[in-house]
Structures are given as C-alpha cells and as structure tokens.
C-alpha cells in the first residue's frame, strides 16, 4: 500500500493535480497519479531484498574469516 503525503502550502499553490505528492521511498514530488503508480515495485522490492540478503551473508562471511585469522595468529 503506497503512503503519499503533501503539505498545505504546495496544495494551495499548485492544486491537487500538481506535482505536490511525495510517496515514501521516492525522492521527488509527483502528480497524484504518478505517486500511486507501481511501475516496478515488485522488482524494486525483490532487488532490495536480495541486496540485503547479500550484505548479511557477506558480513557473516567476513566475521567467520576474521575469526579464522585470529585463531591462527597465535601459532
């Protein structure tokens, strides 16, 4: 479910059909139609999820690698 917001100054200055709407997760103001559109949300979500999983696995590998290095340092 998209969450969109605006401020009264923009609404009064440009009306409800102007580029005044901000959708959480995006960096620009859009028209209401564009703010509600979901052009590639599933792809963007799955990509971000995969990136997060990759970072978690990398941190775990880095930790286990540093543990191995420190265990062998005293030899």
N, C-alpha and C. Protein backbone atom coordinates (compact mmCIF):
# COMPACT_ATOMS: atom_id res chain seq x y z
N UNK A 1 0.84 -1.17 0.00
CA UNK A 1 0.00 0.00 0.00
C UNK A 1 0.90 1.24 0.00
N UNK A 2 0.77 2.08 -0.99
CA UNK A 2 1.59 3.29 -1.04
C UNK A 2 1.14 4.32 0.00
N UNK A 3 2.10 4.99 0.59
CA UNK A 3 1.82 6.07 1.53
C UNK A 3 2.29 7.36 0.86
N UNK A 4 1.35 8.28 0.64
CA UNK A 4 1.70 9.54 0.00
C UNK A 4 1.31 10.70 0.91
N UNK A 5 2.10 11.77 0.82
CA UNK A 5 1.87 12.94 1.66
C UNK A 5 2.11 14.20 0.85
N UNK A 6 1.62 15.31 1.37
CA UNK A 6 1.94 16.63 0.82
C UNK A 6 1.81 17.64 1.96
N UNK A 7 2.09 18.88 1.66
CA UNK A 7 1.93 19.94 2.65
C UNK A 7 0.92 20.95 2.11
N UNK A 8 0.27 21.67 3.00
CA UNK A 8 -0.79 22.60 2.59
C UNK A 8 -0.28 23.70 1.67
N UNK A 9 0.94 24.19 1.89
CA UNK A 9 1.47 25.25 1.02
C UNK A 9 1.51 24.80 -0.44
N UNK A 10 1.99 23.58 -0.69
CA UNK A 10 2.03 23.07 -2.06
C UNK A 10 0.63 22.84 -2.61
N UNK A 11 -0.25 22.33 -1.78
CA UNK A 11 -1.63 22.08 -2.21
C UNK A 11 -2.32 23.38 -2.58
N UNK A 12 -2.14 24.42 -1.77
CA UNK A 12 -2.75 25.71 -2.08
C UNK A 12 -2.12 26.36 -3.31
N UNK A 13 -0.82 26.18 -3.48
CA UNK A 13 -0.12 26.83 -4.58
C UNK A 13 -0.28 26.15 -5.93
N UNK A 14 -0.41 24.84 -5.93
CA UNK A 14 -0.43 24.10 -7.20
C UNK A 14 -1.70 23.29 -7.43
N UNK A 15 -2.53 23.15 -6.41
CA UNK A 15 -3.75 22.36 -6.55
C UNK A 15 -3.46 20.87 -6.44
N UNK A 16 -4.50 20.07 -6.31
CA UNK A 16 -4.34 18.63 -6.08
C UNK A 16 -3.78 17.86 -7.28
N UNK A 17 -3.80 18.47 -8.46
CA UNK A 17 -3.32 17.76 -9.66
C UNK A 17 -1.87 18.12 -10.01
N UNK A 18 -1.25 18.99 -9.22
CA UNK A 18 0.14 19.37 -9.48
C UNK A 18 1.12 18.34 -8.94
N UNK A 19 2.39 18.59 -9.18
CA UNK A 19 3.43 17.69 -8.68
C UNK A 19 3.74 18.06 -7.23
N UNK A 20 2.83 17.69 -6.36
CA UNK A 20 2.94 18.06 -4.95
C UNK A 20 2.99 16.84 -4.04
N UNK A 21 2.78 15.67 -4.57
CA UNK A 21 2.64 14.47 -3.76
C UNK A 21 3.98 13.78 -3.60
N UNK A 22 4.28 13.38 -2.40
CA UNK A 22 5.53 12.69 -2.08
C UNK A 22 5.17 11.29 -1.62
N UNK A 23 5.71 10.30 -2.28
CA UNK A 23 5.48 8.92 -1.88
C UNK A 23 6.70 8.45 -1.08
N UNK A 24 6.44 7.90 0.10
CA UNK A 24 7.55 7.41 0.90
C UNK A 24 8.34 6.38 0.11
N UNK A 25 9.66 6.52 0.15
CA UNK A 25 10.54 5.64 -0.59
C UNK A 25 11.00 6.24 -1.91
N UNK A 26 10.44 7.35 -2.30
CA UNK A 26 10.86 8.05 -3.52
C UNK A 26 11.46 9.40 -3.14
N UNK A 27 12.21 9.97 -4.06
CA UNK A 27 12.93 11.20 -3.72
C UNK A 27 12.36 12.45 -4.36
N UNK A 28 11.31 12.33 -5.17
CA UNK A 28 10.78 13.51 -5.85
C UNK A 28 9.29 13.67 -5.59
N UNK A 29 8.80 14.87 -5.90
CA UNK A 29 7.36 15.11 -5.85
C UNK A 29 6.76 14.65 -7.17
N UNK A 30 5.57 14.07 -7.12
CA UNK A 30 4.89 13.55 -8.30
C UNK A 30 3.45 14.04 -8.33
N UNK A 31 2.81 13.86 -9.47
CA UNK A 31 1.37 14.06 -9.53
C UNK A 31 0.74 12.91 -8.75
N UNK A 32 -0.51 13.06 -8.40
CA UNK A 32 -1.20 12.02 -7.64
C UNK A 32 -1.18 10.69 -8.38
N UNK A 33 -1.44 10.73 -9.68
CA UNK A 33 -1.45 9.51 -10.48
C UNK A 33 -0.08 8.83 -10.47
N UNK A 34 0.98 9.61 -10.66
CA UNK A 34 2.33 9.03 -10.66
C UNK A 34 2.73 8.53 -9.27
N UNK A 35 2.32 9.23 -8.24
CA UNK A 35 2.66 8.81 -6.88
C UNK A 35 1.99 7.48 -6.52
N UNK A 36 0.81 7.24 -7.07
CA UNK A 36 0.09 6.00 -6.79
C UNK A 36 0.48 4.85 -7.71
N UNK A 37 1.18 5.16 -8.81
CA UNK A 37 1.56 4.14 -9.78
C UNK A 37 2.61 3.19 -9.20
N UNK A 38 2.55 1.94 -9.62
CA UNK A 38 3.50 0.93 -9.18
C UNK A 38 4.21 0.33 -10.39
N UNK A 39 5.05 1.10 -11.08
CA UNK A 39 5.63 0.59 -12.33
C UNK A 39 6.52 -0.62 -12.14
N UNK A 40 7.32 -0.66 -11.10
CA UNK A 40 8.22 -1.80 -10.92
C UNK A 40 8.44 -2.09 -9.44
N UNK A 41 7.43 -1.91 -8.64
CA UNK A 41 7.61 -2.07 -7.21
C UNK A 41 8.01 -3.48 -6.81
N UNK A 42 7.43 -4.50 -7.44
CA UNK A 42 7.80 -5.86 -7.07
C UNK A 42 9.27 -6.10 -7.39
N UNK A 43 9.69 -5.65 -8.57
CA UNK A 43 11.09 -5.82 -8.95
C UNK A 43 12.00 -5.04 -8.00
N UNK A 44 11.64 -3.82 -7.69
CA UNK A 44 12.46 -3.00 -6.80
C UNK A 44 12.51 -3.63 -5.41
N UNK A 45 11.39 -4.15 -4.94
CA UNK A 45 11.35 -4.79 -3.62
C UNK A 45 12.22 -6.04 -3.59
N UNK A 46 12.08 -6.88 -4.59
CA UNK A 46 12.85 -8.12 -4.59
C UNK A 46 14.33 -7.84 -4.77
N UNK A 47 14.68 -6.81 -5.54
CA UNK A 47 16.07 -6.44 -5.72
C UNK A 47 16.66 -5.95 -4.41
N UNK A 48 15.95 -5.10 -3.69
CA UNK A 48 16.42 -4.60 -2.41
C UNK A 48 16.53 -5.73 -1.40
N UNK A 49 15.59 -6.64 -1.44
CA UNK A 49 15.62 -7.79 -0.53
C UNK A 49 16.83 -8.66 -0.81
N UNK A 50 17.11 -8.89 -2.10
CA UNK A 50 18.28 -9.69 -2.46
C UNK A 50 19.57 -8.98 -2.05
N UNK A 51 19.62 -7.66 -2.24
CA UNK A 51 20.80 -6.90 -1.83
C UNK A 51 21.01 -6.99 -0.32
N UNK A 52 19.93 -6.91 0.45
CA UNK A 52 20.03 -7.01 1.90
C UNK A 52 20.52 -8.39 2.29
N UNK A 53 20.01 -9.43 1.65
CA UNK A 53 20.47 -10.79 1.93
C UNK A 53 21.93 -10.96 1.61
N UNK A 54 22.38 -10.37 0.52
CA UNK A 54 23.78 -10.45 0.14
C UNK A 54 24.66 -9.77 1.19
N UNK A 55 24.23 -8.60 1.67
CA UNK A 55 25.02 -7.90 2.69
C UNK A 55 25.11 -8.71 3.99
N UNK A 56 24.01 -9.34 4.37
CA UNK A 56 24.00 -10.15 5.59
C UNK A 56 24.96 -11.34 5.44
N UNK A 57 24.90 -12.02 4.29
CA UNK A 57 25.80 -13.15 4.06
C UNK A 57 27.26 -12.70 4.03
N UNK A 58 27.51 -11.54 3.43
CA UNK A 58 28.88 -11.04 3.35
C UNK A 58 29.42 -10.73 4.75
N UNK A 59 28.58 -10.08 5.59
CA UNK A 59 29.03 -9.79 6.96
C UNK A 59 29.33 -11.08 7.72
N UNK A 60 28.47 -12.07 7.55
CA UNK A 60 28.69 -13.36 8.24
C UNK A 60 29.99 -13.99 7.76
N UNK A 61 30.24 -13.94 6.46
CA UNK A 61 31.48 -14.50 5.92
C UNK A 61 32.69 -13.71 6.41
N UNK A 62 32.56 -12.38 6.47
CA UNK A 62 33.66 -11.56 6.97
C UNK A 62 33.98 -11.90 8.43
N UNK A 63 32.93 -12.09 9.24
CA UNK A 63 33.13 -12.43 10.64
C UNK A 63 33.81 -13.78 10.79
N UNK A 64 33.34 -14.76 10.05
CA UNK A 64 33.94 -16.09 10.17
C UNK A 64 35.37 -16.09 9.64
N UNK A 65 35.64 -15.30 8.64
CA UNK A 65 37.01 -15.18 8.11
C UNK A 65 37.93 -14.52 9.11
N UNK A 66 37.47 -13.48 9.80
CA UNK A 66 38.32 -12.81 10.78
C UNK A 66 38.52 -13.68 12.01
N UNK A 67 37.55 -14.53 12.33
CA UNK A 67 37.69 -15.46 13.46
C UNK A 67 38.76 -16.50 13.13
N UNK A 68 38.73 -16.99 11.89
CA UNK A 68 39.73 -17.97 11.48
C UNK A 68 41.13 -17.36 11.51
N UNK A 69 41.25 -16.12 11.04
CA UNK A 69 42.55 -15.47 11.00
C UNK A 69 43.10 -15.27 12.41
N UNK A 70 42.23 -14.83 13.35
CA UNK A 70 42.70 -14.59 14.70
C UNK A 70 43.02 -15.90 15.41
N UNK A 71 42.33 -16.99 15.09
CA UNK A 71 42.61 -18.28 15.71
C UNK A 71 43.97 -18.81 15.27
N UNK A 72 44.35 -18.52 14.03
CA UNK A 72 45.63 -18.99 13.52
C UNK A 72 46.78 -18.04 13.80
N UNK A 73 46.52 -16.89 14.38
CA UNK A 73 47.56 -15.87 14.59
C UNK A 73 48.54 -16.25 15.68
N UNK A 74 48.12 -17.07 16.64
CA UNK A 74 48.98 -17.41 17.76
C UNK A 74 49.90 -18.57 17.47
N UNK A 75 49.84 -19.16 16.32
CA UNK A 75 50.64 -20.34 16.00
C UNK A 75 52.02 -20.00 15.59
